[in-house]
N, C-alpha and C. Protein backbone atom coordinates (compact mmCIF):
# COMPACT_ATOMS: atom_id res chain seq x y z
N MET A 1 -10.06 -51.30 -3.03
CA MET A 1 -9.48 -50.37 -2.53
C MET A 1 -9.37 -49.03 -3.42
N GLU A 2 -9.62 -48.13 -3.01
CA GLU A 2 -9.62 -46.98 -3.84
C GLU A 2 -8.80 -46.16 -3.65
N MET A 3 -8.41 -45.32 -4.92
CA MET A 3 -7.32 -44.48 -4.88
C MET A 3 -7.56 -43.58 -6.18
N THR A 4 -7.07 -42.40 -5.84
CA THR A 4 -7.21 -41.24 -7.08
C THR A 4 -6.30 -41.74 -8.08
N THR A 5 -6.58 -41.11 -9.39
CA THR A 5 -5.80 -41.51 -10.91
C THR A 5 -3.88 -41.21 -10.24
N ASP A 6 -3.81 -39.87 -9.67
CA ASP A 6 -2.52 -39.69 -9.52
C ASP A 6 -2.08 -40.38 -8.42
N GLU A 7 -2.59 -41.01 -7.10
CA GLU A 7 -1.95 -42.09 -6.27
C GLU A 7 -1.66 -43.25 -6.89
N GLY A 8 -2.34 -43.45 -7.89
CA GLY A 8 -2.41 -44.87 -8.69
C GLY A 8 -0.90 -44.87 -9.75
N GLU A 9 -0.95 -43.57 -10.18
CA GLU A 9 -0.19 -43.16 -11.25
C GLU A 9 1.42 -43.17 -10.20
N ASN A 10 1.33 -42.70 -9.56
CA ASN A 10 2.09 -42.52 -8.30
C ASN A 10 3.00 -44.11 -7.89
N ARG A 11 2.01 -44.51 -7.58
CA ARG A 11 2.07 -46.02 -6.99
C ARG A 11 3.05 -46.85 -8.01
N ALA A 12 2.07 -47.03 -9.20
CA ALA A 12 2.49 -47.75 -10.90
C ALA A 12 3.90 -47.35 -10.98
N GLY A 13 4.31 -45.65 -10.77
CA GLY A 13 5.61 -45.49 -11.25
C GLY A 13 6.73 -45.89 -11.00
N LYS A 14 6.67 -46.46 -9.65
CA LYS A 14 7.99 -46.99 -8.81
C LYS A 14 8.26 -48.39 -9.41
N TYR A 15 6.98 -48.85 -10.14
CA TYR A 15 7.50 -49.97 -10.77
C TYR A 15 7.41 -50.29 -12.37
N GLU A 16 7.87 -48.76 -12.79
CA GLU A 16 7.96 -49.13 -14.27
C GLU A 16 9.14 -49.47 -14.80
N LYS A 17 9.88 -49.74 -13.95
CA LYS A 17 11.23 -50.33 -15.01
C LYS A 17 11.38 -51.54 -14.25
N GLY A 18 10.83 -52.21 -12.92
CA GLY A 18 10.94 -53.51 -12.44
C GLY A 18 9.70 -54.36 -13.32
N ALA A 19 8.80 -54.93 -12.38
CA ALA A 19 7.66 -55.94 -12.78
C ALA A 19 6.68 -54.96 -12.51
N PRO A 20 5.89 -55.22 -12.94
CA PRO A 20 4.27 -54.43 -12.92
C PRO A 20 3.47 -55.47 -11.96
N ALA A 21 4.17 -56.89 -12.37
CA ALA A 21 3.29 -57.87 -10.87
C ALA A 21 3.65 -57.68 -10.07
N ARG A 22 4.82 -56.71 -9.56
CA ARG A 22 4.83 -56.85 -7.87
C ARG A 22 4.07 -55.83 -7.25
N PHE A 23 3.73 -55.16 -8.54
CA PHE A 23 2.85 -53.53 -8.10
C PHE A 23 1.14 -54.38 -7.75
N LEU A 24 0.78 -55.26 -8.68
CA LEU A 24 -0.34 -55.78 -8.69
C LEU A 24 -0.47 -56.80 -7.24
N ALA A 25 0.67 -57.39 -6.93
CA ALA A 25 0.61 -58.25 -5.91
C ALA A 25 0.48 -57.10 -4.64
N GLU A 26 1.03 -56.18 -4.83
CA GLU A 26 1.26 -55.39 -3.88
C GLU A 26 -0.08 -54.79 -3.24
N LEU A 27 -0.85 -54.31 -4.20
CA LEU A 27 -2.16 -54.31 -4.19
C LEU A 27 -3.31 -55.24 -3.55
N ARG A 28 -3.03 -56.51 -4.18
CA ARG A 28 -3.55 -57.57 -3.48
C ARG A 28 -3.30 -57.58 -2.34
N ILE A 29 -2.55 -57.74 -1.59
CA ILE A 29 -2.45 -58.01 -0.63
C ILE A 29 -2.49 -56.85 0.33
N GLN A 30 -2.70 -55.29 0.23
CA GLN A 30 -3.09 -54.32 0.66
C GLN A 30 -4.58 -54.85 0.87
N ARG A 31 -5.38 -55.38 0.00
CA ARG A 31 -6.94 -55.22 0.53
C ARG A 31 -6.97 -56.46 0.86
N ALA A 32 -6.01 -57.53 0.85
CA ALA A 32 -6.35 -58.56 1.72
C ALA A 32 -6.22 -58.26 3.29
N LYS A 33 -5.07 -57.50 3.52
CA LYS A 33 -5.20 -56.71 4.85
C LYS A 33 -6.39 -55.86 5.50
N ASP A 34 -6.98 -55.42 4.35
CA ASP A 34 -8.41 -54.98 4.66
C ASP A 34 -9.25 -55.70 4.84
N LEU A 35 -9.45 -56.49 4.32
CA LEU A 35 -10.41 -57.59 4.43
C LEU A 35 -10.10 -58.53 5.62
N LEU A 36 -8.85 -58.74 6.16
CA LEU A 36 -8.39 -58.90 7.47
C LEU A 36 -9.02 -58.78 8.41
N GLN A 37 -9.67 -57.56 8.71
CA GLN A 37 -10.07 -56.77 9.39
C GLN A 37 -11.60 -57.15 9.57
N THR A 38 -12.01 -57.60 8.64
CA THR A 38 -13.59 -58.01 8.93
C THR A 38 -13.87 -59.77 9.65
N CYS A 39 -14.78 -60.26 9.55
CA CYS A 39 -15.46 -61.42 9.93
C CYS A 39 -15.20 -62.66 8.71
N SER A 40 -14.46 -62.01 7.85
CA SER A 40 -14.20 -62.99 6.45
C SER A 40 -13.48 -64.33 6.61
N SER A 41 -13.45 -65.49 6.59
CA SER A 41 -12.27 -66.23 6.75
C SER A 41 -10.97 -66.05 5.82
N VAL A 42 -9.81 -66.40 6.26
CA VAL A 42 -8.66 -66.36 5.54
C VAL A 42 -9.10 -66.70 3.99
N LYS A 43 -9.78 -68.04 4.13
CA LYS A 43 -10.06 -68.66 2.72
C LYS A 43 -10.79 -67.74 1.76
N GLN A 44 -11.55 -67.31 2.67
CA GLN A 44 -12.68 -65.80 1.82
C GLN A 44 -11.98 -64.78 1.57
N VAL A 45 -11.12 -64.69 2.04
CA VAL A 45 -10.20 -63.18 1.71
C VAL A 45 -9.28 -63.55 0.45
N ALA A 46 -8.66 -64.81 0.65
CA ALA A 46 -8.01 -65.08 -0.25
C ALA A 46 -8.75 -65.36 -1.68
N GLU A 47 -9.74 -65.68 -1.88
CA GLU A 47 -10.62 -65.64 -2.99
C GLU A 47 -11.15 -64.55 -3.28
N CYS A 48 -11.34 -63.35 -2.87
CA CYS A 48 -11.74 -61.93 -2.73
C CYS A 48 -10.35 -61.50 -3.51
N VAL A 49 -9.42 -61.70 -2.97
CA VAL A 49 -8.26 -60.90 -3.68
C VAL A 49 -7.66 -61.51 -4.77
N GLY A 50 -8.32 -62.54 -4.94
CA GLY A 50 -8.26 -63.04 -6.62
C GLY A 50 -6.81 -64.52 -6.20
N PHE A 51 -6.74 -65.40 -5.07
CA PHE A 51 -6.11 -66.66 -4.91
C PHE A 51 -7.08 -67.34 -4.75
N SER A 52 -7.42 -68.41 -6.06
CA SER A 52 -7.89 -69.50 -5.77
C SER A 52 -6.85 -70.54 -4.76
N ASP A 53 -5.90 -70.67 -4.20
CA ASP A 53 -5.42 -71.76 -3.74
C ASP A 53 -5.10 -70.59 -2.45
N ASN A 54 -5.47 -71.65 -0.97
CA ASN A 54 -5.23 -70.78 0.10
C ASN A 54 -3.73 -71.00 0.83
N LEU A 55 -3.30 -72.05 0.23
CA LEU A 55 -2.13 -71.88 0.73
C LEU A 55 -0.94 -70.66 0.14
N TYR A 56 -1.02 -70.72 -1.36
CA TYR A 56 -0.56 -70.09 -2.25
C TYR A 56 -0.74 -68.38 -1.64
N PHE A 57 -1.86 -68.20 -1.35
CA PHE A 57 -2.22 -66.98 -0.78
C PHE A 57 -1.28 -66.62 0.45
N SER A 58 -1.37 -67.92 1.31
CA SER A 58 -0.82 -67.19 3.02
C SER A 58 0.66 -67.41 2.58
N LYS A 59 1.68 -68.18 1.56
CA LYS A 59 2.51 -67.94 1.41
C LYS A 59 2.71 -66.24 1.06
N ALA A 60 2.51 -66.08 -0.33
CA ALA A 60 2.17 -65.00 -0.75
C ALA A 60 2.34 -63.89 0.26
N PHE A 61 1.25 -63.78 1.62
CA PHE A 61 1.00 -63.00 2.10
C PHE A 61 2.28 -62.50 3.34
N LYS A 62 2.76 -63.87 3.43
CA LYS A 62 3.93 -63.74 4.39
C LYS A 62 4.98 -63.24 3.94
N LYS A 63 5.23 -63.73 2.83
CA LYS A 63 6.38 -62.78 1.66
C LYS A 63 6.25 -61.78 1.46
N GLN A 64 5.26 -60.95 1.63
CA GLN A 64 5.48 -59.37 1.56
C GLN A 64 5.08 -58.70 3.03
N THR A 65 4.32 -59.49 4.21
CA THR A 65 4.51 -58.77 5.28
C THR A 65 5.03 -59.27 6.61
N GLY A 66 5.92 -60.46 6.15
CA GLY A 66 6.41 -60.92 7.05
C GLY A 66 5.82 -61.98 8.14
N VAL A 67 4.45 -61.86 8.31
CA VAL A 67 3.57 -62.55 9.05
C VAL A 67 2.53 -62.99 8.38
N SER A 68 1.96 -64.76 8.87
CA SER A 68 0.89 -65.26 8.01
C SER A 68 -0.58 -64.03 8.24
N PRO A 69 -1.28 -64.47 7.05
CA PRO A 69 -2.93 -63.84 7.42
C PRO A 69 -3.09 -63.92 8.99
N SER A 70 -3.10 -65.19 9.29
CA SER A 70 -3.60 -65.27 10.46
C SER A 70 -3.04 -64.52 11.78
N GLU A 71 -1.66 -64.71 11.37
CA GLU A 71 -0.60 -64.10 12.38
C GLU A 71 -0.92 -62.17 12.46
N PHE A 72 -1.42 -62.00 11.14
CA PHE A 72 -1.59 -60.89 11.34
C PHE A 72 -2.93 -60.23 11.75
N ARG A 73 -4.11 -61.07 11.62
CA ARG A 73 -5.76 -60.92 12.21
C ARG A 73 -4.87 -61.09 13.77
N GLN A 74 -4.54 -62.20 14.46
CA GLN A 74 -4.11 -61.71 15.78
C GLN A 74 -3.30 -60.68 16.48
N HIS A 75 -2.62 -59.95 15.46
CA HIS A 75 -2.34 -58.96 16.03
C HIS A 75 -2.95 -57.95 15.88
N LEU A 76 -3.96 -57.58 14.84
CA LEU A 76 -4.77 -56.39 15.25
C LEU A 76 -5.65 -56.95 16.17
N LYS A 77 -6.17 -58.09 16.52
CA LYS A 77 -7.06 -58.16 17.83
C LYS A 77 -6.62 -57.75 19.18
N LYS A 78 -4.78 -57.62 18.98
CA LYS A 78 -4.21 -57.44 20.36
C LYS A 78 -4.23 -55.89 20.56
N GLU A 79 -4.52 -55.54 19.36
CA GLU A 79 -4.54 -53.82 19.38
C GLU A 79 -5.76 -52.83 19.83
């Protein structure tokens, strides 16, 4: 995922007083959303964004987006 320095600073700024881990998790899930638009398997996407456990990735993805990675992909196909 590419972003300018200003974009990164702006996005990171909203977490200065919070948890930087949330910022990193948000970036990882955003990258996963991009990768789920490809032909890569959910397991491959999980590994690409730094999750070694596919189940943990699915739970983290659903917690942040409200849907599982598979459901997210199905929704994309309907559009």
